[in-house]
Amino acid sequence: MTLQMLTYFISVARHRNFTRAAEECFVTQPALSRAISDLEEELQCRLLNRTSRSVSLTPAGEVCLTEAMRVIGACDRLTERVREADRASELPVKLGYIIYDHLMYLFRLIYNEEHPGRRHLLEPSYIGCTELKQRFREGEMDVILLPEPCAADLQDSDCVPILRGRANVILSAAHPLYRRSGISISELAGSRIIEWSDDVPMLRAAYADLCRSGGFEPDIVDTAAKMGDMVAKLLAHNAVGFGTAVGHEFREGIRYVPLTDGPERFGLVCVFHREEGSQETERLRQDLKATASAAGYL
């Protein structure tokens, strides 16, 4: 018994006519008649009453029609569900981030020469930290990329560390510590400081604690909501800012300098929902966990 046999039988039962059923099924009438005969032979009963003028169902045929429609319907549902799952696996991962450098670091991590075949469908969105966390909790974001201190209140999620490191100081060329390859926290005493805005309270508090660990209260002269604001304001005030372990030279005259004695908790984490997501989201999760494990972060 094949699905094709059942499909032919359903068509004959619906039209009560072999010619019209053959046309609907795009087969010749003899081929359709043979399929119906083969079905009757396999079931060892007559399904149709045939005369020169009409076709009707036998009692066994009525039962066969009901069950055949159920089988074909189940096959159609199976096909649709499999196709939906396949389409879902191709949906991009909705990834939220708050600092562009962090996104670039993630891209360098997952698209590199060591993994030339690794490609992920990502749909990145730049969003403020408070709104980003809210949208993640509400399920609008699949993954969020955060500085490590900002993820402290997301214990119910799966936080995958993708970088461990100390904080960096952001300096302009006018600052006396600009040429240094590393700075101790206490050397920042007396420096004017650009503070991160209240949209990232955990990050702001973590940097303030760094200053206190160096024996001084931070001298806050301004706040910044974005990295571009941070750079503009430290230039305007000849001040310093703080950044996570990921950093680069924005342009000539602005650079990151690592703190040599700060704790290694200013790296980056990718935060996933604990429950499984789409196939692409799970592939990203497993790739990042493998990378973190190889680096000794897990």
Foldseek 3Di string as FASTA:
>chain_A
DDLVLLQLLLLCAVVQDLCVSCVVVVHDSVVSVVSPVVVCVVVVHDQWDDDPVGIHGDPVVVVSNVVSVVVVVVVVVVVVVVVVLVVLLPDAAEEEEAAPLQVVVVCPVQPDPVCPPGDFRHDYDHDQLQVVVVCVVVPVHFKYKDWQQQCPPVVQWDKFFLDWFFKWKKAFLPAPCVPPQEAALLVCPPFEEAAEDPSRVRVRVLVQVSNVVSPDGHRYDYYDHYPVRRVVVCVVVVGMYMAAPRWAAPDPGIGIHGHPPGHGRGGMIMIGGPDDDRNSSVVVVVSSNVSCVVVVND
